Amino acid sequence: MKALRLIIPILLLVIIGYALPSFLSSPLLSGGTTIDDVNRAECYAKHGHCESSKGSIHLAHSQSILANQITVELPALKTNNLVLSLEGVEMDMGTYQVAIPRLSQTTYQTDLWFPACTHNEMNWVGTLEDKDGDFSMSVAIRVTQIEED
């Protein structure tokens, strides 16, 4: 009985010590991305396309959770590159960043490779900005897996 009284508190401490770091870094406590961030985005490419007063985003494939191509149309900016920074909403997969080079005076384009996910659909939230800080737009992108027959 004495051994049981000693083992139970030690076991509880081990469980708490193991689970506490994960709990403390959860989106609920760390201010991670939520579906509210998706709804607040200035440009939400839910079906592969969005337009805002600042510009537009078009994905080549609205149903591709892995490989895709993004085209951004903006008023003429000085910069030759934009940076897209995204974080997953349904699953924390870190921050995904990609440079988007200028294709023409108002068009920027590059390939996107979204990290693999266990969900069939996933929202990504973040910002599209230039390196000089002259332009910034909050964005959200929804991608879905292509259904194989």
N, C-alpha and C. Protein backbone atom coordinates (compact mmCIF):
# COMPACT_ATOMS: atom_id res chain seq x y z
N MET A 1 0.81 -1.19 0.00
CA MET A 1 0.00 0.00 0.00
C MET A 1 0.86 1.27 0.00
N LYS A 2 2.00 1.23 0.79
CA LYS A 2 2.90 2.37 0.82
C LYS A 2 3.52 2.61 -0.56
N ALA A 3 3.85 1.53 -1.24
CA ALA A 3 4.43 1.64 -2.58
C ALA A 3 3.45 2.29 -3.54
N LEU A 4 2.18 1.92 -3.44
CA LEU A 4 1.14 2.50 -4.30
C LEU A 4 1.01 3.99 -4.04
N ARG A 5 1.07 4.42 -2.79
CA ARG A 5 0.99 5.84 -2.44
C ARG A 5 2.18 6.62 -3.02
N LEU A 6 3.29 5.98 -3.17
CA LEU A 6 4.47 6.62 -3.71
C LEU A 6 4.46 6.63 -5.24
N ILE A 7 3.98 5.55 -5.84
CA ILE A 7 3.98 5.41 -7.30
C ILE A 7 2.96 6.35 -7.95
N ILE A 8 1.78 6.48 -7.38
CA ILE A 8 0.73 7.30 -8.00
C ILE A 8 1.17 8.76 -8.16
N PRO A 9 1.71 9.44 -7.13
CA PRO A 9 2.15 10.83 -7.35
C PRO A 9 3.29 10.93 -8.37
N ILE A 10 4.19 9.97 -8.37
CA ILE A 10 5.29 10.00 -9.34
C ILE A 10 4.74 9.83 -10.75
N LEU A 11 3.80 8.90 -10.90
CA LEU A 11 3.17 8.67 -12.20
C LEU A 11 2.43 9.93 -12.67
N LEU A 12 1.72 10.59 -11.79
CA LEU A 12 1.03 11.83 -12.15
C LEU A 12 2.01 12.92 -12.58
N LEU A 13 3.13 13.04 -11.87
CA LEU A 13 4.14 14.03 -12.24
C LEU A 13 4.73 13.75 -13.62
N VAL A 14 4.97 12.49 -13.91
CA VAL A 14 5.50 12.12 -15.22
C VAL A 14 4.50 12.46 -16.32
N ILE A 15 3.23 12.14 -16.09
CA ILE A 15 2.19 12.43 -17.09
C ILE A 15 2.05 13.93 -17.29
N ILE A 16 2.02 14.69 -16.21
CA ILE A 16 1.90 16.15 -16.31
C ILE A 16 3.14 16.72 -17.00
N GLY A 17 4.31 16.24 -16.63
CA GLY A 17 5.54 16.73 -17.25
C GLY A 17 5.60 16.45 -18.74
N TYR A 18 5.02 15.34 -19.17
CA TYR A 18 5.00 14.99 -20.58
C TYR A 18 3.94 15.81 -21.34
N ALA A 19 2.76 15.98 -20.76
CA ALA A 19 1.64 16.63 -21.46
C ALA A 19 1.67 18.15 -21.38
N LEU A 20 2.24 18.71 -20.33
CA LEU A 20 2.20 20.16 -20.13
C LEU A 20 2.83 20.96 -21.26
N PRO A 21 4.01 20.61 -21.76
CA PRO A 21 4.57 21.41 -22.87
C PRO A 21 3.66 21.43 -24.10
N SER A 22 3.04 20.32 -24.44
CA SER A 22 2.13 20.30 -25.60
C SER A 22 0.92 21.17 -25.34
N PHE A 23 0.40 21.11 -24.14
CA PHE A 23 -0.77 21.92 -23.79
C PHE A 23 -0.43 23.40 -23.85
N LEU A 24 0.72 23.78 -23.31
CA LEU A 24 1.10 25.19 -23.27
C LEU A 24 1.39 25.75 -24.66
N SER A 25 1.79 24.90 -25.59
CA SER A 25 2.07 25.39 -26.95
C SER A 25 0.89 25.22 -27.89
N SER A 26 -0.26 24.81 -27.38
CA SER A 26 -1.44 24.61 -28.22
C SER A 26 -1.94 25.94 -28.74
N PRO A 27 -2.64 25.95 -29.89
CA PRO A 27 -3.17 27.19 -30.46
C PRO A 27 -4.09 27.94 -29.50
N LEU A 28 -4.76 27.23 -28.63
CA LEU A 28 -5.66 27.89 -27.68
C LEU A 28 -4.91 28.85 -26.77
N LEU A 29 -3.70 28.48 -26.38
CA LEU A 29 -2.93 29.32 -25.47
C LEU A 29 -1.90 30.18 -26.18
N SER A 30 -1.41 29.74 -27.33
CA SER A 30 -0.33 30.48 -27.99
C SER A 30 -0.82 31.53 -28.96
N GLY A 31 -2.14 31.64 -29.14
CA GLY A 31 -2.65 32.62 -30.09
C GLY A 31 -2.46 32.17 -31.52
N GLY A 32 -2.43 30.86 -31.78
CA GLY A 32 -2.26 30.32 -33.12
C GLY A 32 -3.40 30.71 -34.04
N THR A 33 -3.29 30.32 -35.29
CA THR A 33 -4.31 30.68 -36.26
C THR A 33 -5.61 29.94 -36.00
N THR A 34 -6.70 30.61 -36.27
CA THR A 34 -8.03 30.04 -36.08
C THR A 34 -8.87 30.33 -37.32
N ILE A 35 -10.05 29.75 -37.35
CA ILE A 35 -10.96 29.99 -38.47
C ILE A 35 -11.38 31.46 -38.51
N ASP A 36 -11.34 32.16 -37.38
CA ASP A 36 -11.64 33.60 -37.37
C ASP A 36 -10.61 34.37 -38.20
N ASP A 37 -9.35 33.93 -38.18
CA ASP A 37 -8.31 34.56 -38.99
C ASP A 37 -8.62 34.40 -40.48
N VAL A 38 -9.18 33.25 -40.84
CA VAL A 38 -9.57 33.00 -42.23
C VAL A 38 -10.65 34.01 -42.63
N ASN A 39 -11.65 34.15 -41.78
CA ASN A 39 -12.77 35.05 -42.10
C ASN A 39 -12.37 36.52 -42.11
N ARG A 40 -11.31 36.89 -41.41
CA ARG A 40 -10.85 38.29 -41.38
C ARG A 40 -9.87 38.62 -42.51
N ALA A 41 -9.44 37.65 -43.25
CA ALA A 41 -8.45 37.90 -44.30
C ALA A 41 -9.00 38.86 -45.36
N GLU A 42 -8.14 39.73 -45.83
CA GLU A 42 -8.54 40.68 -46.87
C GLU A 42 -8.83 39.97 -48.19
N CYS A 43 -8.16 38.85 -48.41
CA CYS A 43 -8.33 38.08 -49.64
C CYS A 43 -8.37 36.60 -49.27
N TYR A 44 -9.53 35.95 -49.44
CA TYR A 44 -9.71 34.54 -49.07
C TYR A 44 -9.96 33.73 -50.34
N ALA A 45 -8.94 33.00 -50.76
CA ALA A 45 -9.03 32.17 -51.96
C ALA A 45 -9.65 30.82 -51.60
N LYS A 46 -10.96 30.85 -51.35
CA LYS A 46 -11.67 29.64 -50.92
C LYS A 46 -11.84 28.65 -52.06
N HIS A 47 -12.08 29.15 -53.24
CA HIS A 47 -12.25 28.28 -54.41
C HIS A 47 -11.18 28.55 -55.45
N GLY A 48 -9.98 28.87 -54.98
CA GLY A 48 -8.86 29.07 -55.89
C GLY A 48 -8.69 30.49 -56.39
N HIS A 49 -9.56 31.41 -55.95
CA HIS A 49 -9.45 32.79 -56.44
C HIS A 49 -10.03 33.74 -55.41
N CYS A 50 -9.44 34.91 -55.29
CA CYS A 50 -10.02 35.97 -54.47
C CYS A 50 -9.60 37.32 -55.02
N GLU A 51 -10.42 38.31 -54.72
CA GLU A 51 -10.13 39.69 -55.11
C GLU A 51 -10.38 40.59 -53.91
N SER A 52 -9.52 41.58 -53.77
CA SER A 52 -9.73 42.60 -52.74
C SER A 52 -9.39 43.94 -53.35
N SER A 53 -9.55 44.98 -52.56
CA SER A 53 -9.21 46.32 -53.06
C SER A 53 -7.71 46.47 -53.31
N LYS A 54 -6.91 45.59 -52.71
CA LYS A 54 -5.45 45.66 -52.87
C LYS A 54 -4.94 44.84 -54.04
N GLY A 55 -5.68 43.81 -54.46
CA GLY A 55 -5.22 42.96 -55.55
C GLY A 55 -5.98 41.65 -55.58
N SER A 56 -5.48 40.71 -56.38
CA SER A 56 -6.16 39.42 -56.50
C SER A 56 -5.14 38.28 -56.46
N ILE A 57 -5.65 37.11 -56.06
CA ILE A 57 -4.86 35.89 -56.01
C ILE A 57 -5.60 34.83 -56.79
N HIS A 58 -4.85 34.07 -57.59
CA HIS A 58 -5.44 32.96 -58.34
C HIS A 58 -4.54 31.74 -58.21
N LEU A 59 -5.15 30.61 -57.81
CA LEU A 59 -4.43 29.34 -57.78
C LEU A 59 -4.76 28.57 -59.05
N ALA A 60 -3.77 27.95 -59.64
CA ALA A 60 -3.99 27.19 -60.87
C ALA A 60 -4.94 26.02 -60.63
N HIS A 61 -4.88 25.41 -59.44
CA HIS A 61 -5.72 24.27 -59.11
C HIS A 61 -6.36 24.51 -57.76
N SER A 62 -7.67 24.63 -57.71
CA SER A 62 -8.32 24.83 -56.42
C SER A 62 -8.41 23.53 -55.64
N GLN A 63 -8.17 22.40 -56.32
CA GLN A 63 -8.19 21.11 -55.63
C GLN A 63 -6.83 20.43 -55.70
N SER A 64 -5.87 21.03 -55.07
CA SER A 64 -4.55 20.41 -55.00
C SER A 64 -3.92 20.78 -53.68
N ILE A 65 -3.86 19.83 -52.78
CA ILE A 65 -3.33 20.11 -51.45
C ILE A 65 -1.80 20.10 -51.46
N LEU A 66 -1.18 19.58 -52.50
CA LEU A 66 0.28 19.54 -52.54
C LEU A 66 0.83 20.56 -53.53
N ALA A 67 0.85 20.23 -54.82
CA ALA A 67 1.46 21.10 -55.83
C ALA A 67 0.44 22.08 -56.39
N ASN A 68 0.89 23.32 -56.59
CA ASN A 68 0.01 24.33 -57.15
C ASN A 68 0.85 25.46 -57.71
N GLN A 69 0.18 26.40 -58.34
CA GLN A 69 0.85 27.61 -58.84
C GLN A 69 -0.01 28.79 -58.42
N ILE A 70 0.64 29.83 -57.91
CA ILE A 70 -0.08 31.02 -57.48
C ILE A 70 0.28 32.18 -58.38
N THR A 71 -0.74 32.95 -58.76
CA THR A 71 -0.56 34.16 -59.53
C THR A 71 -1.19 35.30 -58.74
N VAL A 72 -0.43 36.36 -58.55
CA VAL A 72 -0.90 37.51 -57.79
C VAL A 72 -0.90 38.72 -58.71
N GLU A 73 -2.03 39.40 -58.78
CA GLU A 73 -2.17 40.63 -59.58
C GLU A 73 -2.30 41.80 -58.62
N LEU A 74 -1.39 42.76 -58.72
CA LEU A 74 -1.38 43.93 -57.84
C LEU A 74 -1.14 45.18 -58.65
N PRO A 75 -1.49 46.34 -58.07
CA PRO A 75 -1.07 47.59 -58.73
C PRO A 75 0.46 47.60 -58.81
N ALA A 76 0.99 48.36 -59.69
CA ALA A 76 2.44 48.41 -59.88
C ALA A 76 3.16 48.73 -58.57
N LEU A 77 4.07 47.85 -58.18
CA LEU A 77 4.91 48.06 -56.99
C LEU A 77 6.37 48.16 -57.43
N LYS A 78 7.20 48.71 -56.57
CA LYS A 78 8.63 48.82 -56.88
C LYS A 78 9.35 47.48 -56.77
N THR A 79 8.86 46.61 -55.92
CA THR A 79 9.57 45.38 -55.61
C THR A 79 9.50 44.33 -56.72
N ASN A 80 10.55 43.55 -56.82
CA ASN A 80 10.59 42.45 -57.79
C ASN A 80 10.15 41.13 -57.18
N ASN A 81 9.99 41.09 -55.86
CA ASN A 81 9.58 39.86 -55.18
C ASN A 81 8.60 40.16 -54.06
N LEU A 82 7.61 39.32 -53.93
CA LEU A 82 6.72 39.34 -52.78
C LEU A 82 7.03 38.12 -51.93
N VAL A 83 6.65 38.15 -50.67
CA VAL A 83 6.83 37.00 -49.80
C VAL A 83 5.46 36.61 -49.26
N LEU A 84 5.11 35.35 -49.46
CA LEU A 84 3.87 34.79 -48.93
C LEU A 84 4.23 33.93 -47.72
N SER A 85 3.67 34.27 -46.56
CA SER A 85 3.90 33.51 -45.33
C SER A 85 2.55 32.96 -44.87
N LEU A 86 2.48 31.64 -44.69
CA LEU A 86 1.22 30.99 -44.32
C LEU A 86 1.41 30.04 -43.15
N GLU A 87 0.34 29.90 -42.36
CA GLU A 87 0.28 28.92 -41.28
C GLU A 87 -1.02 28.14 -41.43
N GLY A 88 -0.97 26.85 -41.15
CA GLY A 88 -2.16 26.02 -41.23
C GLY A 88 -3.12 26.31 -40.10
N VAL A 89 -4.42 26.24 -40.39
CA VAL A 89 -5.44 26.48 -39.37
C VAL A 89 -5.83 25.17 -38.69
N GLU A 90 -6.21 24.18 -39.49
CA GLU A 90 -6.68 22.92 -38.91
C GLU A 90 -5.57 22.09 -38.30
N MET A 91 -4.34 22.32 -38.74
CA MET A 91 -3.20 21.55 -38.26
C MET A 91 -1.98 22.46 -38.22
N ASP A 92 -1.27 22.45 -37.10
CA ASP A 92 -0.05 23.26 -36.98
C ASP A 92 1.07 22.58 -37.74
N MET A 93 1.47 23.19 -38.85
CA MET A 93 2.53 22.62 -39.68
C MET A 93 3.68 23.61 -39.82
N GLY A 94 3.77 24.54 -38.87
CA GLY A 94 4.81 25.54 -38.94
C GLY A 94 4.44 26.64 -39.91
N THR A 95 5.39 27.53 -40.16
CA THR A 95 5.17 28.63 -41.10
C THR A 95 5.76 28.26 -42.44
N TYR A 96 4.94 28.36 -43.48
CA TYR A 96 5.35 28.07 -44.85
C TYR A 96 5.60 29.41 -45.53
N GLN A 97 6.80 29.63 -46.06
CA GLN A 97 7.13 30.87 -46.75
C GLN A 97 7.61 30.59 -48.16
N VAL A 98 7.20 31.44 -49.06
CA VAL A 98 7.65 31.31 -50.44
C VAL A 98 7.80 32.71 -51.05
N ALA A 99 8.87 32.91 -51.80
CA ALA A 99 9.07 34.15 -52.54
C ALA A 99 8.30 34.05 -53.86
N ILE A 100 7.66 35.13 -54.23
CA ILE A 100 6.89 35.15 -55.48
C ILE A 100 7.51 36.24 -56.37
N PRO A 101 8.25 35.83 -57.40
CA PRO A 101 8.91 36.82 -58.27
C PRO A 101 7.95 37.50 -59.24
N ARG A 102 8.36 38.69 -59.67
CA ARG A 102 7.57 39.47 -60.64
C ARG A 102 7.65 38.79 -62.00
N LEU A 103 6.49 38.68 -62.63
CA LEU A 103 6.39 38.11 -63.98
C LEU A 103 6.22 39.24 -65.00
N SER A 104 5.46 40.27 -64.62
CA SER A 104 5.27 41.45 -65.46
C SER A 104 5.07 42.65 -64.53
N GLN A 105 4.71 43.78 -65.07
CA GLN A 105 4.57 45.01 -64.27
C GLN A 105 3.65 44.82 -63.07
N THR A 106 2.56 44.09 -63.22
CA THR A 106 1.58 43.95 -62.13
C THR A 106 1.32 42.49 -61.73
N THR A 107 2.08 41.56 -62.29
CA THR A 107 1.84 40.13 -62.04
C THR A 107 3.05 39.47 -61.39
N TYR A 108 2.78 38.68 -60.36
CA TYR A 108 3.78 37.88 -59.66
C TYR A 108 3.32 36.43 -59.71
N GLN A 109 4.27 35.49 -59.88
CA GLN A 109 3.85 34.10 -60.03
C GLN A 109 4.96 33.15 -59.57
N THR A 110 4.53 32.03 -58.94
CA THR A 110 5.47 30.99 -58.57
C THR A 110 4.71 29.69 -58.28
N ASP A 111 5.47 28.62 -58.14
CA ASP A 111 4.89 27.33 -57.75
C ASP A 111 4.78 27.27 -56.24
N LEU A 112 3.73 26.62 -55.78
CA LEU A 112 3.52 26.38 -54.35
C LEU A 112 3.56 24.88 -54.11
N TRP A 113 4.14 24.49 -53.02
CA TRP A 113 4.16 23.08 -52.60
C TRP A 113 3.70 23.03 -51.16
N PHE A 114 2.40 22.88 -50.97
CA PHE A 114 1.86 22.82 -49.61
C PHE A 114 2.32 21.54 -48.94
N PRO A 115 2.70 21.63 -47.66
CA PRO A 115 3.08 20.41 -46.93
C PRO A 115 1.92 19.42 -46.91
N ALA A 116 2.24 18.13 -46.91
CA ALA A 116 1.22 17.09 -46.87
C ALA A 116 0.46 17.17 -45.55
N CYS A 117 -0.79 16.84 -45.61
CA CYS A 117 -1.67 16.95 -44.44
C CYS A 117 -2.59 15.74 -44.39
N THR A 118 -3.02 15.40 -43.20
CA THR A 118 -3.93 14.25 -43.06
C THR A 118 -5.38 14.64 -43.31
N HIS A 119 -5.66 15.92 -43.37
CA HIS A 119 -7.03 16.39 -43.64
C HIS A 119 -7.27 16.45 -45.15
N ASN A 120 -8.51 16.24 -45.57
CA ASN A 120 -8.84 16.38 -47.00
C ASN A 120 -8.92 17.83 -47.42
N GLU A 121 -9.22 18.71 -46.48
CA GLU A 121 -9.29 20.14 -46.76
C GLU A 121 -8.47 20.87 -45.70
N MET A 122 -7.86 21.96 -46.12
CA MET A 122 -7.06 22.71 -45.16
C MET A 122 -7.06 24.19 -45.52
N ASN A 123 -7.20 25.03 -44.50
CA ASN A 123 -7.09 26.47 -44.65
C ASN A 123 -5.71 26.92 -44.21
N TRP A 124 -5.14 27.84 -44.95
CA TRP A 124 -3.84 28.44 -44.63
C TRP A 124 -4.08 29.94 -44.49
N VAL A 125 -3.51 30.56 -43.47
CA VAL A 125 -3.70 31.98 -43.21
C VAL A 125 -2.34 32.65 -43.07
N GLY A 126 -2.24 33.87 -43.57
CA GLY A 126 -0.97 34.57 -43.43
C GLY A 126 -0.99 35.92 -44.11
N THR A 127 0.20 36.31 -44.59
CA THR A 127 0.34 37.61 -45.22
C THR A 127 1.09 37.50 -46.54
N LEU A 128 0.78 38.41 -47.40
CA LEU A 128 1.49 38.60 -48.66
C LEU A 128 2.08 40.00 -48.55
N GLU A 129 3.40 40.11 -48.63
CA GLU A 129 4.01 41.43 -48.46
C GLU A 129 5.30 41.56 -49.26
N ASP A 130 5.71 42.81 -49.43
CA ASP A 130 7.00 43.05 -50.06
C ASP A 130 8.04 43.22 -48.96
N LYS A 131 9.30 43.06 -49.32
CA LYS A 131 10.38 43.10 -48.33
C LYS A 131 10.62 44.50 -47.78
N ASP A 132 10.18 45.54 -48.48
CA ASP A 132 10.40 46.91 -48.03
C ASP A 132 9.31 47.41 -47.08
N GLY A 133 8.24 46.66 -46.95
CA GLY A 133 7.15 47.07 -46.07
C GLY A 133 6.19 48.07 -46.69
N ASP A 134 6.27 48.25 -48.02
CA ASP A 134 5.37 49.17 -48.70
C ASP A 134 4.00 48.55 -49.00
N PHE A 135 3.94 47.21 -48.99
CA PHE A 135 2.69 46.53 -49.30
C PHE A 135 2.51 45.34 -48.36
N SER A 136 1.27 45.17 -47.89
CA SER A 136 0.93 44.02 -47.06
C SER A 136 -0.56 43.73 -47.21
N MET A 137 -0.89 42.45 -47.34
CA MET A 137 -2.29 42.04 -47.45
C MET A 137 -2.45 40.72 -46.70
N SER A 138 -3.46 40.67 -45.82
CA SER A 138 -3.74 39.41 -45.13
C SER A 138 -4.46 38.49 -46.10
N VAL A 139 -4.03 37.24 -46.13
CA VAL A 139 -4.60 36.28 -47.08
C VAL A 139 -4.98 34.98 -46.37
N ALA A 140 -5.90 34.28 -46.98
CA ALA A 140 -6.27 32.93 -46.56
C ALA A 140 -6.47 32.12 -47.83
N ILE A 141 -5.98 30.90 -47.80
CA ILE A 141 -6.10 30.00 -48.96
C ILE A 141 -6.66 28.68 -48.47
N ARG A 142 -7.68 28.19 -49.17
CA ARG A 142 -8.26 26.89 -48.85
C ARG A 142 -7.90 25.92 -49.96
N VAL A 143 -7.30 24.79 -49.58
CA VAL A 143 -6.95 23.77 -50.56
C VAL A 143 -7.60 22.45 -50.15
N THR A 144 -7.93 21.65 -51.14
CA THR A 144 -8.52 20.34 -50.91
C THR A 144 -7.76 19.29 -51.70
N GLN A 145 -7.81 18.07 -51.21
CA GLN A 145 -7.16 16.98 -51.92
C GLN A 145 -7.95 16.63 -53.16
N ILE A 146 -7.22 16.26 -54.19
CA ILE A 146 -7.86 15.78 -55.40
C ILE A 146 -8.37 14.37 -55.12
N GLU A 147 -9.63 14.15 -55.39
CA GLU A 147 -10.22 12.84 -55.15
C GLU A 147 -9.82 11.91 -56.29
N GLU A 148 -9.22 10.79 -55.93
CA GLU A 148 -8.81 9.80 -56.94
C GLU A 148 -9.91 8.78 -57.11
N ASP A 149 -10.14 8.41 -58.36
CA ASP A 149 -11.19 7.41 -58.66
C ASP A 149 -10.62 6.02 -58.63
